[in-house]
Amino acid sequence: MHQFKNLEIWKRSRLFCSKIYGVTSNFPDNEKFGITNQLRRASVSIPSNIAEGSSRASNKDFSRFLEIAIGSAYEIETQLLISNDLKFLKSETVETLLNELEEIVKMISKFRSTLKI
C-alpha cells in the first residue's frame, strides 16, 4: 500500500484539478452541465483514482487505477481542445494546461512502470 498524500503524482494532479475549476468558472452558464461538468469530473478523477488505487492490496490493482487516471487525462486533453474550438479558452491557456497535463501523464506512466506486478 502506498501513502497517496506523499506521491508527487497525486499532489500535481490535485493542483491541476484546481486550475481546471478556475478556468471553467468563466465558461458560459449554459455549459454548466456540459463541458464544464465534464472537464471538472475528469480532472477530479485523476487524483481520486491515484488515491483509490493506492489503497489496493496489490500493485496490479493500483496499476489499473493509474491506467484509469491516464485515461481521464486524455479525456481532459480532448475537452480542452474542444473548449478552445468553442472559444471558451484562449489557445495560450489551453497550451499551458496541456503541457502540464502531459507532464502529469508522463509522471504517472513512469511511476506505473516501477510497480512490481
N, C-alpha and C. Protein backbone atom coordinates (compact mmCIF):
# COMPACT_ATOMS: atom_id res chain seq x y z
N MET A 1 0.84 -1.18 0.00
CA MET A 1 0.00 0.00 0.00
C MET A 1 0.88 1.25 0.00
N HIS A 2 0.46 2.24 -0.76
CA HIS A 2 1.21 3.49 -0.88
C HIS A 2 0.48 4.60 -0.13
N GLN A 3 1.22 5.51 0.40
CA GLN A 3 0.64 6.69 1.05
C GLN A 3 0.43 7.73 -0.04
N PHE A 4 -0.79 7.81 -0.57
CA PHE A 4 -1.04 8.65 -1.74
C PHE A 4 -0.72 10.12 -1.51
N LYS A 5 -0.88 10.60 -0.27
CA LYS A 5 -0.61 12.01 0.01
C LYS A 5 0.87 12.35 -0.14
N ASN A 6 1.73 11.34 -0.13
CA ASN A 6 3.16 11.56 -0.33
C ASN A 6 3.58 11.45 -1.78
N LEU A 7 2.68 11.03 -2.64
CA LEU A 7 3.01 10.84 -4.05
C LEU A 7 2.95 12.16 -4.81
N GLU A 8 4.03 12.47 -5.51
CA GLU A 8 4.09 13.71 -6.29
C GLU A 8 3.01 13.72 -7.38
N ILE A 9 2.71 12.56 -7.94
CA ILE A 9 1.68 12.49 -8.99
C ILE A 9 0.30 12.89 -8.44
N TRP A 10 0.05 12.54 -7.21
CA TRP A 10 -1.23 12.92 -6.59
C TRP A 10 -1.25 14.42 -6.31
N LYS A 11 -0.15 14.95 -5.78
CA LYS A 11 -0.07 16.38 -5.47
C LYS A 11 -0.23 17.22 -6.73
N ARG A 12 0.49 16.85 -7.78
CA ARG A 12 0.44 17.62 -9.03
C ARG A 12 -0.95 17.55 -9.67
N SER A 13 -1.55 16.36 -9.67
CA SER A 13 -2.86 16.22 -10.30
C SER A 13 -3.94 16.95 -9.49
N ARG A 14 -3.77 17.02 -8.20
CA ARG A 14 -4.71 17.76 -7.35
C ARG A 14 -4.64 19.25 -7.66
N LEU A 15 -3.44 19.78 -7.81
CA LEU A 15 -3.27 21.19 -8.16
C LEU A 15 -3.82 21.48 -9.56
N PHE A 16 -3.60 20.54 -10.46
CA PHE A 16 -4.12 20.69 -11.82
C PHE A 16 -5.64 20.76 -11.80
N CYS A 17 -6.25 19.95 -10.97
CA CYS A 17 -7.71 19.95 -10.82
C CYS A 17 -8.21 21.34 -10.42
N SER A 18 -7.51 21.96 -9.49
CA SER A 18 -7.89 23.32 -9.07
C SER A 18 -7.80 24.30 -10.22
N LYS A 19 -6.80 24.13 -11.07
CA LYS A 19 -6.66 25.01 -12.24
C LYS A 19 -7.83 24.82 -13.21
N ILE A 20 -8.24 23.58 -13.39
CA ILE A 20 -9.38 23.31 -14.28
C ILE A 20 -10.65 23.97 -13.72
N TYR A 21 -10.84 23.87 -12.42
CA TYR A 21 -12.00 24.54 -11.81
C TYR A 21 -11.92 26.05 -12.04
N GLY A 22 -10.73 26.59 -11.94
CA GLY A 22 -10.55 28.03 -12.15
C GLY A 22 -10.89 28.46 -13.57
N VAL A 23 -10.35 27.76 -14.56
CA VAL A 23 -10.60 28.19 -15.95
C VAL A 23 -12.04 27.93 -16.37
N THR A 24 -12.66 26.88 -15.85
CA THR A 24 -14.04 26.60 -16.24
C THR A 24 -15.05 27.51 -15.56
N SER A 25 -14.62 28.21 -14.53
CA SER A 25 -15.54 29.15 -13.86
C SER A 25 -15.96 30.29 -14.78
N ASN A 26 -15.19 30.50 -15.84
CA ASN A 26 -15.51 31.55 -16.81
C ASN A 26 -16.27 31.04 -18.03
N PHE A 27 -16.59 29.77 -18.06
CA PHE A 27 -17.34 29.21 -19.18
C PHE A 27 -18.78 29.74 -19.13
N PRO A 28 -19.47 29.74 -20.26
CA PRO A 28 -20.87 30.20 -20.28
C PRO A 28 -21.75 29.39 -19.31
N ASP A 29 -22.72 30.07 -18.74
CA ASP A 29 -23.63 29.40 -17.80
C ASP A 29 -24.36 28.22 -18.42
N ASN A 30 -24.66 28.32 -19.72
CA ASN A 30 -25.40 27.22 -20.36
C ASN A 30 -24.53 25.98 -20.55
N GLU A 31 -23.24 26.07 -20.23
CA GLU A 31 -22.33 24.92 -20.29
C GLU A 31 -22.12 24.28 -18.92
N LYS A 32 -22.84 24.76 -17.92
CA LYS A 32 -22.67 24.25 -16.56
C LYS A 32 -22.81 22.74 -16.49
N PHE A 33 -23.75 22.19 -17.26
CA PHE A 33 -23.96 20.74 -17.23
C PHE A 33 -23.39 20.07 -18.48
N GLY A 34 -22.62 20.82 -19.24
CA GLY A 34 -21.98 20.29 -20.43
C GLY A 34 -20.49 20.12 -20.21
N ILE A 35 -19.73 20.84 -20.99
CA ILE A 35 -18.28 20.66 -20.97
C ILE A 35 -17.65 21.10 -19.65
N THR A 36 -18.26 22.06 -18.98
CA THR A 36 -17.75 22.47 -17.66
C THR A 36 -17.75 21.28 -16.71
N ASN A 37 -18.89 20.62 -16.64
CA ASN A 37 -19.04 19.46 -15.77
C ASN A 37 -18.10 18.33 -16.19
N GLN A 38 -18.00 18.08 -17.49
CA GLN A 38 -17.14 17.01 -17.99
C GLN A 38 -15.68 17.25 -17.62
N LEU A 39 -15.20 18.47 -17.85
CA LEU A 39 -13.81 18.81 -17.52
C LEU A 39 -13.55 18.67 -16.02
N ARG A 40 -14.45 19.16 -15.24
CA ARG A 40 -14.26 19.09 -13.78
C ARG A 40 -14.26 17.66 -13.29
N ARG A 41 -15.19 16.86 -13.77
CA ARG A 41 -15.26 15.46 -13.32
C ARG A 41 -14.02 14.69 -13.73
N ALA A 42 -13.56 14.91 -14.96
CA ALA A 42 -12.36 14.21 -15.43
C ALA A 42 -11.13 14.64 -14.64
N SER A 43 -11.07 15.93 -14.30
CA SER A 43 -9.90 16.41 -13.54
C SER A 43 -9.91 15.88 -12.11
N VAL A 44 -11.07 15.74 -11.53
CA VAL A 44 -11.19 15.15 -10.19
C VAL A 44 -10.83 13.67 -10.23
N SER A 45 -11.11 13.04 -11.35
CA SER A 45 -10.86 11.60 -11.50
C SER A 45 -9.38 11.24 -11.38
N ILE A 46 -8.50 12.12 -11.82
CA ILE A 46 -7.08 11.76 -11.81
C ILE A 46 -6.56 11.57 -10.38
N PRO A 47 -6.61 12.59 -9.51
CA PRO A 47 -6.11 12.35 -8.15
C PRO A 47 -6.96 11.35 -7.37
N SER A 48 -8.24 11.28 -7.68
CA SER A 48 -9.12 10.34 -6.99
C SER A 48 -8.73 8.89 -7.29
N ASN A 49 -8.44 8.60 -8.55
CA ASN A 49 -8.04 7.23 -8.91
C ASN A 49 -6.66 6.89 -8.36
N ILE A 50 -5.78 7.87 -8.29
CA ILE A 50 -4.47 7.63 -7.67
C ILE A 50 -4.67 7.28 -6.20
N ALA A 51 -5.51 8.03 -5.52
CA ALA A 51 -5.76 7.79 -4.10
C ALA A 51 -6.44 6.43 -3.90
N GLU A 52 -7.48 6.16 -4.68
CA GLU A 52 -8.19 4.90 -4.51
C GLU A 52 -7.29 3.71 -4.83
N GLY A 53 -6.53 3.82 -5.90
CA GLY A 53 -5.63 2.74 -6.28
C GLY A 53 -4.57 2.45 -5.24
N SER A 54 -4.13 3.50 -4.57
CA SER A 54 -3.07 3.31 -3.56
C SER A 54 -3.54 2.48 -2.38
N SER A 55 -4.85 2.39 -2.20
CA SER A 55 -5.38 1.62 -1.08
C SER A 55 -5.52 0.13 -1.39
N ARG A 56 -5.31 -0.22 -2.64
CA ARG A 56 -5.49 -1.62 -3.05
C ARG A 56 -4.35 -2.48 -2.54
N ALA A 57 -4.66 -3.72 -2.35
CA ALA A 57 -3.70 -4.65 -1.75
C ALA A 57 -2.59 -5.05 -2.72
N SER A 58 -2.86 -4.98 -4.02
CA SER A 58 -1.84 -5.41 -4.97
C SER A 58 -1.43 -4.28 -5.90
N ASN A 59 -0.20 -4.37 -6.37
CA ASN A 59 0.29 -3.39 -7.33
C ASN A 59 -0.44 -3.51 -8.66
N LYS A 60 -0.91 -4.72 -8.97
CA LYS A 60 -1.68 -4.91 -10.20
C LYS A 60 -2.96 -4.08 -10.16
N ASP A 61 -3.64 -4.08 -9.04
CA ASP A 61 -4.85 -3.27 -8.89
C ASP A 61 -4.51 -1.78 -8.95
N PHE A 62 -3.44 -1.40 -8.26
CA PHE A 62 -3.02 0.00 -8.26
C PHE A 62 -2.70 0.44 -9.68
N SER A 63 -2.02 -0.41 -10.42
CA SER A 63 -1.66 -0.10 -11.80
C SER A 63 -2.90 0.16 -12.64
N ARG A 64 -3.94 -0.60 -12.42
CA ARG A 64 -5.20 -0.43 -13.16
C ARG A 64 -5.81 0.94 -12.86
N PHE A 65 -5.77 1.37 -11.62
CA PHE A 65 -6.31 2.69 -11.26
C PHE A 65 -5.46 3.81 -11.87
N LEU A 66 -4.16 3.59 -11.96
CA LEU A 66 -3.30 4.58 -12.61
C LEU A 66 -3.61 4.67 -14.10
N GLU A 67 -3.94 3.53 -14.68
CA GLU A 67 -4.33 3.49 -16.09
C GLU A 67 -5.62 4.29 -16.31
N ILE A 68 -6.54 4.17 -15.39
CA ILE A 68 -7.80 4.94 -15.46
C ILE A 68 -7.50 6.44 -15.32
N ALA A 69 -6.58 6.79 -14.43
CA ALA A 69 -6.20 8.20 -14.27
C ALA A 69 -5.62 8.75 -15.57
N ILE A 70 -4.82 7.96 -16.25
CA ILE A 70 -4.25 8.40 -17.54
C ILE A 70 -5.37 8.57 -18.57
N GLY A 71 -6.33 7.67 -18.56
CA GLY A 71 -7.48 7.80 -19.46
C GLY A 71 -8.24 9.09 -19.22
N SER A 72 -8.40 9.46 -17.96
CA SER A 72 -9.06 10.73 -17.62
C SER A 72 -8.26 11.91 -18.14
N ALA A 73 -6.94 11.79 -18.10
CA ALA A 73 -6.09 12.87 -18.61
C ALA A 73 -6.30 13.07 -20.11
N TYR A 74 -6.43 11.97 -20.84
CA TYR A 74 -6.66 12.08 -22.29
C TYR A 74 -8.06 12.63 -22.57
N GLU A 75 -8.98 12.31 -21.71
CA GLU A 75 -10.33 12.89 -21.82
C GLU A 75 -10.25 14.40 -21.65
N ILE A 76 -9.48 14.85 -20.67
CA ILE A 76 -9.30 16.29 -20.43
C ILE A 76 -8.64 16.95 -21.64
N GLU A 77 -7.65 16.29 -22.21
CA GLU A 77 -6.97 16.85 -23.38
C GLU A 77 -7.97 17.14 -24.49
N THR A 78 -8.82 16.18 -24.77
CA THR A 78 -9.84 16.35 -25.80
C THR A 78 -10.79 17.48 -25.45
N GLN A 79 -11.23 17.53 -24.22
CA GLN A 79 -12.18 18.55 -23.79
C GLN A 79 -11.58 19.95 -23.81
N LEU A 80 -10.30 20.06 -23.50
CA LEU A 80 -9.63 21.37 -23.58
C LEU A 80 -9.54 21.84 -25.02
N LEU A 81 -9.24 20.92 -25.92
CA LEU A 81 -9.17 21.29 -27.34
C LEU A 81 -10.55 21.72 -27.85
N ILE A 82 -11.59 21.02 -27.44
CA ILE A 82 -12.96 21.40 -27.82
C ILE A 82 -13.30 22.77 -27.22
N SER A 83 -12.88 23.00 -25.98
CA SER A 83 -13.14 24.30 -25.33
C SER A 83 -12.47 25.43 -26.10
N ASN A 84 -11.31 25.15 -26.65
CA ASN A 84 -10.63 26.13 -27.48
C ASN A 84 -11.38 26.33 -28.79
N ASP A 85 -11.83 25.24 -29.40
CA ASP A 85 -12.61 25.32 -30.64
C ASP A 85 -13.86 26.18 -30.45
N LEU A 86 -14.47 26.06 -29.28
CA LEU A 86 -15.70 26.81 -28.97
C LEU A 86 -15.42 28.22 -28.47
N LYS A 87 -14.13 28.57 -28.38
CA LYS A 87 -13.69 29.90 -27.93
C LYS A 87 -13.99 30.15 -26.46
N PHE A 88 -14.08 29.08 -25.68
CA PHE A 88 -14.25 29.22 -24.23
C PHE A 88 -12.91 29.48 -23.56
N LEU A 89 -11.83 28.99 -24.19
CA LEU A 89 -10.47 29.18 -23.66
C LEU A 89 -9.56 29.69 -24.76
N LYS A 90 -8.62 30.51 -24.38
CA LYS A 90 -7.62 31.01 -25.33
C LYS A 90 -6.61 29.90 -25.62
N SER A 91 -6.04 29.95 -26.80
CA SER A 91 -5.06 28.95 -27.21
C SER A 91 -3.89 28.86 -26.24
N GLU A 92 -3.44 30.01 -25.73
CA GLU A 92 -2.30 30.03 -24.81
C GLU A 92 -2.63 29.29 -23.51
N THR A 93 -3.84 29.50 -23.03
CA THR A 93 -4.28 28.82 -21.80
C THR A 93 -4.33 27.32 -22.02
N VAL A 94 -4.90 26.92 -23.16
CA VAL A 94 -5.01 25.50 -23.47
C VAL A 94 -3.61 24.89 -23.59
N GLU A 95 -2.71 25.58 -24.26
CA GLU A 95 -1.35 25.07 -24.43
C GLU A 95 -0.66 24.88 -23.08
N THR A 96 -0.81 25.85 -22.20
CA THR A 96 -0.21 25.76 -20.86
C THR A 96 -0.77 24.57 -20.09
N LEU A 97 -2.09 24.42 -20.12
CA LEU A 97 -2.73 23.30 -19.42
C LEU A 97 -2.35 21.96 -20.02
N LEU A 98 -2.27 21.90 -21.34
CA LEU A 98 -1.90 20.64 -21.99
C LEU A 98 -0.46 20.25 -21.68
N ASN A 99 0.42 21.23 -21.60
CA ASN A 99 1.81 20.93 -21.23
C ASN A 99 1.90 20.37 -19.82
N GLU A 100 1.16 20.98 -18.92
CA GLU A 100 1.15 20.48 -17.54
C GLU A 100 0.53 19.09 -17.46
N LEU A 101 -0.54 18.90 -18.20
CA LEU A 101 -1.20 17.59 -18.22
C LEU A 101 -0.27 16.52 -18.79
N GLU A 102 0.49 16.86 -19.81
CA GLU A 102 1.44 15.92 -20.40
C GLU A 102 2.51 15.51 -19.37
N GLU A 103 2.97 16.47 -18.59
CA GLU A 103 3.94 16.15 -17.54
C GLU A 103 3.35 15.19 -16.52
N ILE A 104 2.11 15.43 -16.14
CA ILE A 104 1.44 14.56 -15.16
C ILE A 104 1.30 13.15 -15.72
N VAL A 105 0.89 13.04 -16.98
CA VAL A 105 0.74 11.72 -17.61
C VAL A 105 2.09 10.99 -17.64
N LYS A 106 3.15 11.70 -17.99
CA LYS A 106 4.48 11.08 -18.01
C LYS A 106 4.88 10.61 -16.61
N MET A 107 4.58 11.42 -15.60
CA MET A 107 4.92 11.05 -14.23
C MET A 107 4.14 9.80 -13.80
N ILE A 108 2.85 9.77 -14.12
CA ILE A 108 2.03 8.62 -13.76
C ILE A 108 2.54 7.38 -14.48
N SER A 109 2.83 7.51 -15.77
CA SER A 109 3.31 6.37 -16.56
C SER A 109 4.62 5.84 -16.01
N LYS A 110 5.52 6.75 -15.68
CA LYS A 110 6.82 6.32 -15.14
C LYS A 110 6.63 5.62 -13.79
N PHE A 111 5.79 6.21 -12.92
CA PHE A 111 5.52 5.59 -11.63
C PHE A 111 4.90 4.21 -11.83
N ARG A 112 3.96 4.12 -12.75
CA ARG A 112 3.28 2.86 -13.02
C ARG A 112 4.26 1.79 -13.47
N SER A 113 5.25 2.20 -14.25
CA SER A 113 6.24 1.23 -14.74
C SER A 113 7.15 0.70 -13.64
N THR A 114 7.22 1.41 -12.52
CA THR A 114 8.07 0.95 -11.41
C THR A 114 7.37 -0.04 -10.50
N LEU A 115 6.04 -0.14 -10.63
CA LEU A 115 5.31 -1.08 -9.78
C LEU A 115 5.63 -2.51 -10.18
N LYS A 116 5.95 -3.31 -9.23
CA LYS A 116 6.24 -4.73 -9.49
C LYS A 116 4.92 -5.49 -9.48
N ILE A 117 4.54 -5.94 -10.66
CA ILE A 117 3.24 -6.60 -10.81
C ILE A 117 3.40 -8.10 -10.85
